[in-house]
PDB file of N, CA and C in Angstrom:
ATOM      1  N   MET A   1      -5.260  16.536 -46.041  1.00  0.00           N
ATOM      2  CA  MET A   1      -5.264  16.261 -44.596  1.00  0.00           C
ATOM      3  C   MET A   1      -4.212  15.127 -44.455  1.00  0.00           C
ATOM      4  N   GLY A   2      -4.171  14.118 -45.215  1.00  0.00           N
ATOM      5  CA  GLY A   2      -3.235  13.110 -45.081  1.00  0.00           C
ATOM      6  C   GLY A   2      -1.798  13.523 -45.171  1.00  0.00           C
ATOM      7  N   GLN A   3      -1.521  14.372 -46.124  1.00  0.00           N
ATOM      8  CA  GLN A   3      -0.138  14.937 -46.178  1.00  0.00           C
ATOM      9  C   GLN A   3       0.241  15.754 -44.955  1.00  0.00           C
ATOM     10  N   THR A   4      -0.684  16.409 -44.321  1.00  0.00           N
ATOM     11  CA  THR A   4      -0.293  17.132 -43.211  1.00  0.00           C
ATOM     12  C   THR A   4      -0.049  16.183 -41.995  1.00  0.00           C
ATOM     13  N   LEU A   5      -0.741  15.156 -41.774  1.00  0.00           N
ATOM     14  CA  LEU A   5      -0.295  14.153 -40.801  1.00  0.00           C
ATOM     15  C   LEU A   5       1.084  13.579 -41.128  1.00  0.00           C
ATOM     16  N   LYS A   6       1.332  13.205 -42.382  1.00  0.00           N
ATOM     17  CA  LYS A   6       2.638  12.637 -42.615  1.00  0.00           C
ATOM     18  C   LYS A   6       3.682  13.734 -42.245  1.00  0.00           C
ATOM     19  N   THR A   7       3.438  14.898 -42.560  1.00  0.00           N
ATOM     20  CA  THR A   7       4.501  15.925 -42.234  1.00  0.00           C
ATOM     21  C   THR A   7       4.726  15.998 -40.657  1.00  0.00           C
ATOM     22  N   TYR A   8       3.613  15.993 -39.914  1.00  0.00           N
ATOM     23  CA  TYR A   8       3.599  16.055 -38.435  1.00  0.00           C
ATOM     24  C   TYR A   8       4.591  14.797 -37.874  1.00  0.00           C
ATOM     25  N   PHE A   9       4.224  13.627 -38.542  1.00  0.00           N
ATOM     26  CA  PHE A   9       4.872  12.415 -37.873  1.00  0.00           C
ATOM     27  C   PHE A   9       6.441  12.434 -38.280  1.00  0.00           C
ATOM     28  N   ARG A  10       6.679  12.977 -39.463  1.00  0.00           N
ATOM     29  CA  ARG A  10       8.112  13.074 -39.903  1.00  0.00           C
ATOM     30  C   ARG A  10       8.841  14.148 -39.011  1.00  0.00           C
ATOM     31  N   VAL A  11       8.200  15.099 -38.546  1.00  0.00           N
ATOM     32  CA  VAL A  11       8.780  16.037 -37.588  1.00  0.00           C
ATOM     33  C   VAL A  11       8.998  15.392 -36.272  1.00  0.00           C
ATOM     34  N   LEU A  12       7.992  14.620 -35.785  1.00  0.00           N
ATOM     35  CA  LEU A  12       8.162  13.940 -34.491  1.00  0.00           C
ATOM     36  C   LEU A  12       9.213  12.893 -34.546  1.00  0.00           C
ATOM     37  N   LYS A  13       9.518  12.262 -35.641  1.00  0.00           N
ATOM     38  CA  LYS A  13      10.516  11.328 -35.846  1.00  0.00           C
ATOM     39  C   LYS A  13      11.974  11.872 -35.660  1.00  0.00           C
ATOM     40  N   LEU A  14      12.056  13.150 -36.107  1.00  0.00           N
ATOM     41  CA  LEU A  14      13.424  13.928 -36.004  1.00  0.00           C
ATOM     42  C   LEU A  14      13.615  14.364 -34.616  1.00  0.00           C
ATOM     43  N   THR A  15      12.681  14.582 -33.748  1.00  0.00           N
ATOM     44  CA  THR A  15      12.860  15.193 -32.531  1.00  0.00           C
ATOM     45  C   THR A  15      13.618  14.229 -31.626  1.00  0.00           C
ATOM     46  N   LYS A  16      14.289  14.659 -30.535  1.00  0.00           N
ATOM     47  CA  LYS A  16      14.969  13.938 -29.586  1.00  0.00           C
ATOM     48  C   LYS A  16      14.820  14.366 -28.247  1.00  0.00           C
ATOM     49  N   LYS A  17      14.976  13.623 -27.365  1.00  0.00           N
ATOM     50  CA  LYS A  17      14.892  14.012 -25.831  1.00  0.00           C
ATOM     51  C   LYS A  17      16.135  14.844 -25.460  1.00  0.00           C
ATOM     52  N   PRO A  18      16.024  16.113 -24.988  1.00  0.00           N
ATOM     53  CA  PRO A  18      17.245  16.812 -24.630  1.00  0.00           C
ATOM     54  C   PRO A  18      17.962  16.108 -23.548  1.00  0.00           C
ATOM     55  N   SER A  19      19.338  16.369 -23.630  1.00  0.00           N
ATOM     56  CA  SER A  19      20.176  15.841 -22.617  1.00  0.00           C
ATOM     57  C   SER A  19      19.931  16.618 -21.317  1.00  0.00           C
ATOM     58  N   ARG A  20      20.555  16.215 -20.195  1.00  0.00           N
ATOM     59  CA  ARG A  20      20.303  16.832 -18.886  1.00  0.00           C
ATOM     60  C   ARG A  20      20.944  18.332 -18.963  1.00  0.00           C
ATOM     61  N   GLU A  21      22.047  18.459 -19.591  1.00  0.00           N
ATOM     62  CA  GLU A  21      22.614  19.691 -19.724  1.00  0.00           C
ATOM     63  C   GLU A  21      21.870  20.664 -20.657  1.00  0.00           C
ATOM     64  N   GLU A  22      21.354  20.197 -21.688  1.00  0.00           N
ATOM     65  CA  GLU A  22      20.588  21.136 -22.526  1.00  0.00           C
ATOM     66  C   GLU A  22      19.171  21.500 -21.838  1.00  0.00           C
ATOM     67  N   PHE A  23      18.657  20.557 -21.065  1.00  0.00           N
ATOM     68  CA  PHE A  23      17.490  20.895 -20.335  1.00  0.00           C
ATOM     69  C   PHE A  23      17.721  22.016 -19.224  1.00  0.00           C
ATOM     70  N   GLN A  24      18.863  21.773 -18.531  1.00  0.00           N
ATOM     71  CA  GLN A  24      19.216  22.781 -17.490  1.00  0.00           C
ATOM     72  C   GLN A  24      19.412  24.106 -18.076  1.00  0.00           C
ATOM     73  N   MET A  25      20.109  24.129 -19.233  1.00  0.00           N
ATOM     74  CA  MET A  25      20.423  25.507 -19.921  1.00  0.00           C
ATOM     75  C   MET A  25      19.186  26.096 -20.471  1.00  0.00           C
ATOM     76  N   ILE A  26      18.200  25.365 -20.907  1.00  0.00           N
ATOM     77  CA  ILE A  26      16.917  25.896 -21.513  1.00  0.00           C
ATOM     78  C   ILE A  26      16.046  26.422 -20.069  1.00  0.00           C
ATOM     79  N   ALA A  27      16.135  25.683 -19.019  1.00  0.00           N
ATOM     80  CA  ALA A  27      15.465  26.096 -17.775  1.00  0.00           C
ATOM     81  C   ALA A  27      16.021  27.436 -17.302  1.00  0.00           C
ATOM     82  N   LYS A  28      17.368  27.529 -17.187  1.00  0.00           N
ATOM     83  CA  LYS A  28      17.991  28.681 -16.818  1.00  0.00           C
ATOM     84  C   LYS A  28      17.640  29.951 -17.603  1.00  0.00           C
ATOM     85  N   VAL A  29      17.699  29.810 -18.957  1.00  0.00           N
ATOM     86  CA  VAL A  29      17.326  30.885 -19.872  1.00  0.00           C
ATOM     87  C   VAL A  29      15.896  31.343 -19.748  1.00  0.00           C
ATOM     88  N   ALA A  30      15.078  30.330 -19.578  1.00  0.00           N
ATOM     89  CA  ALA A  30      13.578  30.626 -19.439  1.00  0.00           C
ATOM     90  C   ALA A  30      13.385  31.407 -18.006  1.00  0.00           C
ATOM     91  N   GLY A  31      14.066  30.909 -16.986  1.00  0.00           N
ATOM     92  CA  GLY A  31      13.845  31.463 -15.683  1.00  0.00           C
ATOM     93  C   GLY A  31      14.392  32.904 -15.635  1.00  0.00           C
ATOM     94  N   ILE A  32      15.617  33.169 -16.308  1.00  0.00           N
ATOM     95  CA  ILE A  32      16.061  34.547 -16.341  1.00  0.00           C
ATOM     96  C   ILE A  32      15.151  35.514 -17.140  1.00  0.00           C
ATOM     97  N   GLY A  33      14.562  34.935 -18.158  1.00  0.00           N
ATOM     98  CA  GLY A  33      13.609  35.675 -18.950  1.00  0.00           C
ATOM     99  C   GLY A  33      12.479  36.043 -18.199  1.00  0.00           C
ATOM    100  N   ILE A  34      11.820  35.123 -17.375  1.00  0.00           N
ATOM    101  CA  ILE A  34      10.652  35.416 -16.544  1.00  0.00           C
ATOM    102  C   ILE A  34      10.969  36.383 -15.500  1.00  0.00           C
ATOM    103  N   LEU A  35      12.216  36.304 -14.867  1.00  0.00           N
ATOM    104  CA  LEU A  35      12.565  37.384 -13.820  1.00  0.00           C
ATOM    105  C   LEU A  35      12.766  38.712 -14.474  1.00  0.00           C
ATOM    106  N   ALA A  36      13.313  38.681 -15.667  1.00  0.00           N
ATOM    107  CA  ALA A  36      13.565  39.995 -16.370  1.00  0.00           C
ATOM    108  C   ALA A  36      12.200  40.649 -16.712  1.00  0.00           C
ATOM    109  N   ILE A  37      11.317  40.015 -17.196  1.00  0.00           N
ATOM    110  CA  ILE A  37      10.165  40.581 -17.546  1.00  0.00           C
ATOM    111  C   ILE A  37       9.276  40.960 -16.232  1.00  0.00           C
ATOM    112  N   GLY A  38       9.394  40.227 -15.250  1.00  0.00           N
ATOM    113  CA  GLY A  38       8.754  40.527 -13.943  1.00  0.00           C
ATOM    114  C   GLY A  38       9.369  41.854 -13.396  1.00  0.00           C
ATOM    115  N   PHE A  39      10.597  41.964 -13.518  1.00  0.00           N
ATOM    116  CA  PHE A  39      11.400  43.204 -12.960  1.00  0.00           C
ATOM    117  C   PHE A  39      11.016  44.412 -13.808  1.00  0.00           C
ATOM    118  N   VAL A  40      10.897  44.302 -15.020  1.00  0.00           N
ATOM    119  CA  VAL A  40      10.443  45.400 -15.985  1.00  0.00           C
ATOM    120  C   VAL A  40       9.027  45.724 -15.588  1.00  0.00           C
ATOM    121  N   GLY A  41       8.133  44.840 -15.413  1.00  0.00           N
ATOM    122  CA  GLY A  41       6.798  45.091 -15.010  1.00  0.00           C
ATOM    123  C   GLY A  41       6.782  45.822 -13.657  1.00  0.00           C
ATOM    124  N   PHE A  42       7.563  45.407 -12.746  1.00  0.00           N
ATOM    125  CA  PHE A  42       7.651  46.130 -11.380  1.00  0.00           C
ATOM    126  C   PHE A  42       8.044  47.508 -11.602  1.00  0.00           C
ATOM    127  N   LEU A  43       9.044  47.834 -12.228  1.00  0.00           N
ATOM    128  CA  LEU A  43       9.689  49.179 -12.527  1.00  0.00           C
ATOM    129  C   LEU A  43       8.534  49.920 -13.056  1.00  0.00           C
ATOM    130  N   ILE A  44       7.750  49.488 -14.055  1.00  0.00           N
ATOM    131  CA  ILE A  44       6.703  50.228 -14.669  1.00  0.00           C
ATOM    132  C   ILE A  44       5.664  50.456 -13.698  1.00  0.00           C
ATOM    133  N   TYR A  45       5.308  49.564 -12.772  1.00  0.00           N
ATOM    134  CA  TYR A  45       4.345  49.730 -11.700  1.00  0.00           C
ATOM    135  C   TYR A  45       4.692  50.875 -10.742  1.00  0.00           C
ATOM    136  N   LEU A  46       6.130  50.870 -10.307  1.00  0.00           N
ATOM    137  CA  LEU A  46       6.572  51.943  -9.400  1.00  0.00           C
ATOM    138  C   LEU A  46       6.491  53.235 -10.225  1.00  0.00           C
ATOM    139  N   LEU A  47       6.889  53.269 -11.436  1.00  0.00           N
ATOM    140  CA  LEU A  47       6.854  54.661 -12.081  1.00  0.00           C
ATOM    141  C   LEU A  47       5.530  55.189 -12.147  1.00  0.00           C
ATOM    142  N   LEU A  48       4.452  54.412 -12.618  1.00  0.00           N
ATOM    143  CA  LEU A  48       3.125  54.840 -12.816  1.00  0.00           C
ATOM    144  C   LEU A  48       2.267  54.950 -11.531  1.00  0.00           C
ATOM    145  N   VAL A  49       2.539  54.161 -10.630  1.00  0.00           N
ATOM    146  CA  VAL A  49       1.651  54.107  -9.373  1.00  0.00           C
ATOM    147  C   VAL A  49       2.234  54.732  -8.182  1.00  0.00           C
ATOM    148  N   GLU A  50       3.223  54.265  -7.698  1.00  0.00           N
ATOM    149  CA  GLU A  50       3.834  54.641  -6.467  1.00  0.00           C
ATOM    150  C   GLU A  50       4.551  56.037  -6.427  1.00  0.00           C
ATOM    151  N   ILE A  51       5.335  56.319  -7.382  1.00  0.00           N
ATOM    152  CA  ILE A  51       6.141  57.501  -7.393  1.00  0.00           C
ATOM    153  C   ILE A  51       5.160  58.796  -7.638  1.00  0.00           C
ATOM    154  N   PRO A  52       4.196  58.708  -8.345  1.00  0.00           N
ATOM    155  CA  PRO A  52       3.249  59.920  -8.284  1.00  0.00           C
ATOM    156  C   PRO A  52       2.626  60.220  -7.138  1.00  0.00           C
ATOM    157  N   GLN A  53       2.474  59.231  -6.144  1.00  0.00           N
ATOM    158  CA  GLN A  53       1.820  59.467  -4.882  1.00  0.00           C
ATOM    159  C   GLN A  53       2.826  60.205  -3.971  1.00  0.00           C
ATOM    160  N   LEU A  54       4.126  59.950  -4.217  1.00  0.00           N
ATOM    161  CA  LEU A  54       5.187  60.620  -3.415  1.00  0.00           C
ATOM    162  C   LEU A  54       5.408  62.089  -3.716  1.00  0.00           C
ATOM    163  N   VAL A  55       5.097  62.400  -4.925  1.00  0.00           N
ATOM    164  CA  VAL A  55       5.359  63.778  -5.324  1.00  0.00           C
ATOM    165  C   VAL A  55       4.279  64.758  -5.047  1.00  0.00           C
TER     166      VAL A  55
END
């Protein structure tokens, strides 16, 4: 247990706060990913629910 805590603290010491540019890039990539997944989900919804009603 003690070794695990030491490992956690060592990792925390290596981390750093991202710069403003790094944060903005991460936020953009995450936002694009969320939008892409939502769009795919919407297409699946259209294909499985709405289009069969029109045919």
